[in-house]
Protein backbone atom coordinates (compact mmCIF):
# COMPACT_ATOMS: atom_id res chain seq x y z
CA MET A 1 -177.23 56.88 17.65
CA SER A 2 -174.31 57.64 19.98
CA ARG A 3 -172.26 55.28 22.09
CA THR A 4 -170.34 56.27 25.20
CA VAL A 5 -167.17 54.40 26.03
CA ALA A 6 -165.38 54.71 29.36
CA VAL A 7 -161.65 54.57 28.87
CA ILE A 8 -159.48 53.84 31.88
CA ILE A 9 -155.73 53.82 31.74
CA ALA A 10 -154.16 52.66 34.95
CA GLY A 11 -150.46 52.92 35.33
CA ILE A 12 -147.95 53.62 37.97
CA ILE A 13 -145.04 55.31 36.25
CA GLY A 14 -141.94 56.46 38.08
CA GLY A 15 -143.41 55.60 41.47
CA THR A 16 -146.50 57.78 41.04
CA VAL A 17 -149.90 57.00 39.68
CA ALA A 18 -150.04 58.34 36.15
CA ALA A 19 -153.76 57.99 35.58
CA LEU A 20 -155.20 55.50 38.04
CA ALA A 21 -158.97 55.84 38.14
CA THR A 22 -158.85 58.63 35.57
CA SER A 23 -161.79 58.12 33.25
CA TRP A 24 -162.49 59.73 29.91
CA LEU A 25 -165.83 59.67 28.20
CA TRP A 26 -165.69 59.43 24.46
CA THR A 27 -168.98 59.82 22.65
CA ARG A 28 -168.95 58.50 19.10
CA HIS A 29 -171.70 59.47 16.72
CA THR A 30 -172.36 57.98 13.33
CA SER A 31 -171.28 61.29 11.81
CA GLY A 32 -168.03 61.66 13.83
CA ALA A 33 -166.58 61.82 17.30
CA GLN A 34 -166.44 64.45 19.99
CA ALA A 35 -163.20 65.11 21.82
CA PRO A 36 -162.74 63.26 25.12
CA GLN A 37 -163.93 65.05 28.24
CA ALA A 38 -162.52 64.43 31.71
CA LEU A 39 -164.92 63.33 34.40
CA SER A 40 -165.19 65.77 37.28
CA GLN A 41 -164.74 63.22 40.08
CA PRO A 42 -161.15 63.30 41.40
CA ALA A 43 -159.50 60.03 42.37
CA PRO A 44 -159.42 59.41 46.13
CA GLN A 45 -156.05 59.91 47.83
CA ARG A 46 -154.35 56.54 48.43
CA THR A 47 -150.94 55.33 49.42
CA PRO A 48 -148.76 53.87 46.64
CA GLU A 49 -149.40 50.40 48.08
CA GLN A 50 -153.19 50.97 47.99
CA GLN A 51 -152.93 52.32 44.44
CA ARG A 52 -150.99 49.26 43.29
CA ALA A 53 -153.40 46.87 45.04
CA ALA A 54 -156.41 48.63 43.46
CA ALA A 55 -154.84 48.50 39.99
CA LEU A 56 -153.95 44.81 40.38
CA GLY A 57 -157.47 44.03 41.61
CA GLU A 58 -159.07 45.82 38.67
CA ARG A 59 -156.72 44.13 36.21
CA ASP A 60 -157.30 40.68 37.72
CA ALA A 61 -161.09 41.14 37.67
CA ALA A 62 -161.02 42.13 33.99
CA LEU A 63 -158.75 39.18 33.11
CA LEU A 64 -161.00 36.77 35.01
CA ALA A 65 -164.14 38.12 33.31
CA HIS A 66 -162.47 37.66 29.92
CA SER A 67 -161.36 34.11 30.71
CA ARG A 68 -164.91 33.15 31.67
CA GLU A 69 -166.47 34.41 28.43
CA THR A 70 -167.60 31.98 25.82
CA THR A 71 -166.22 32.51 22.33
CA ASP A 72 -168.33 33.72 19.44
CA PRO A 73 -166.09 32.53 16.57
CA ALA A 74 -167.38 35.00 13.98
CA TRP A 75 -167.17 38.08 16.25
CA ALA A 76 -163.87 36.97 17.78
CA GLY A 77 -162.26 36.42 14.38
CA ARG A 78 -163.32 39.80 12.98
CA SER A 79 -162.36 41.64 16.16
CA ALA A 80 -158.97 39.94 16.52
CA ALA A 81 -158.08 40.73 12.91
CA ALA A 82 -159.07 44.38 13.37
CA PHE A 83 -157.09 44.79 16.62
CA GLU A 84 -154.06 43.06 15.07
CA ALA A 85 -154.17 45.58 12.21
CA VAL A 86 -154.51 48.51 14.64
CA TYR A 87 -151.65 47.52 16.94
CA SER A 88 -149.31 46.40 14.14
CA ALA A 89 -149.40 49.84 12.51
CA GLY A 90 -147.53 52.96 13.47
CA ASP A 91 -144.28 53.86 15.15
CA HIS A 92 -143.90 52.07 18.47
CA LYS A 93 -141.36 50.17 20.55
CA TYR A 94 -143.47 47.13 21.44
CA ARG A 95 -143.81 43.74 19.83
CA LEU A 96 -147.36 42.57 19.34
CA GLY A 97 -148.13 39.18 20.86
CA THR A 98 -151.38 37.25 20.60
CA VAL A 99 -154.79 38.85 20.33
CA ASP A 100 -157.44 36.77 22.10
CA CYS A 101 -161.05 37.79 21.49
CA ARG A 102 -164.09 36.03 22.94
CA SER A 103 -167.66 37.37 22.68
CA SER A 104 -167.42 40.91 24.09
CA SER A 105 -163.78 41.37 25.07
CA CYS A 106 -160.27 41.05 23.66
CA LEU A 107 -156.81 40.77 25.21
CA VAL A 108 -153.87 42.18 23.31
CA GLU A 109 -150.42 41.06 24.48
CA LEU A 110 -147.67 43.67 24.20
CA PHE A 111 -143.93 43.13 24.81
CA TRP A 112 -141.11 45.65 25.24
CA SER A 113 -137.38 45.43 25.82
CA SER A 114 -137.82 47.39 29.10
CA TYR A 115 -140.38 49.07 31.33
CA ARG A 116 -138.97 52.43 30.22
CA ASP A 117 -139.93 51.62 26.63
CA ALA A 118 -143.41 50.53 27.77
CA SER A 119 -143.87 53.82 29.63
CA ALA A 120 -142.70 55.77 26.58
CA ASP A 121 -145.20 53.90 24.37
CA SER A 122 -148.23 54.48 26.64
CA LYS A 123 -149.44 57.56 24.72
CA THR A 124 -149.06 55.73 21.41
CA ILE A 125 -151.18 52.86 22.71
CA LEU A 126 -153.81 55.30 23.97
CA ARG A 127 -153.93 57.01 20.57
CA LEU A 128 -154.19 53.69 18.71
CA SER A 129 -156.90 52.43 21.07
CA GLU A 130 -158.93 55.60 20.65
CA THR A 131 -158.81 55.35 16.86
CA ALA A 132 -159.27 51.56 16.61
CA ILE A 133 -162.94 51.87 15.60
CA GLN A 134 -161.89 53.81 12.50
CA LYS A 135 -159.96 50.72 11.40
CA GLY A 136 -162.86 48.33 11.91
CA ALA A 137 -162.30 47.29 15.53
CA PRO A 138 -165.31 47.18 17.87
CA ASN A 139 -165.98 50.32 19.94
CA CYS A 140 -164.81 48.98 23.32
CA ALA A 141 -163.69 50.36 26.63
CA PHE A 142 -160.07 49.53 27.29
CA LEU A 143 -157.71 49.11 30.19
CA LEU A 144 -153.93 49.35 30.07
CA PHE A 145 -151.94 48.53 33.19
CA LEU A 146 -148.30 49.56 33.29
CA LEU A 147 -147.25 48.58 36.78
CA PRO A 148 -143.55 49.05 37.51
CA PRO A 149 -141.54 45.86 37.89
CA GLU A 150 -138.82 45.35 40.48
CA ASP A 151 -136.16 45.73 37.77
CA PRO A 152 -137.25 48.25 35.10
CA SER A 153 -134.36 47.31 32.79
CA LEU A 154 -135.65 43.75 32.19
CA PRO A 155 -138.05 42.87 29.34
CA TYR A 156 -141.61 43.95 30.12
CA ALA A 157 -144.99 42.57 29.05
CA THR A 158 -148.61 43.49 29.68
CA LYS A 159 -152.09 42.79 28.34
CA LEU A 160 -154.24 45.56 26.95
CA ILE A 161 -157.84 44.67 27.81
CA HIS A 162 -160.64 45.74 25.48
CA ASN A 163 -163.97 45.01 27.15
CA ALA A 164 -167.64 45.98 27.08
CA CYS A 165 -167.47 45.59 23.31
CA PRO A 166 -170.71 45.71 21.33
CA ARG A 167 -171.51 42.73 19.14
């Protein structure tokens, strides 16, 4: 049996949209995984203000959906432990905060000393998220929003959203 996971990374880095509305399909088979393939639909042209508003709307909708979920204690406990193990490992600049899992989604808090460090870590987070299932985490879609703050030198935090997780 194969499972397809849509992975969306939305971030505005250096004043431009790094990968807003860029989707990758990752098909995982019981015997292994195929490499990600880009979808052929290009993102519509938007102003930076429209791009930021769309990213904030998508982030807020995912956070609201997570907050409304009931908690399945057994699934949430296993999933949180697996995601904590995934995001604690490796070479990165972030500090792992809380991992909050419910019944089909998890929020992972990440903290950096600056937005620049967060931007530099984005590929590491993508790599860890793609390989999380190999470390026992559920095979979820995930969203990472790295929206630039007014002052990029201040400490920076975001929530990595894992959703549409199988139970």
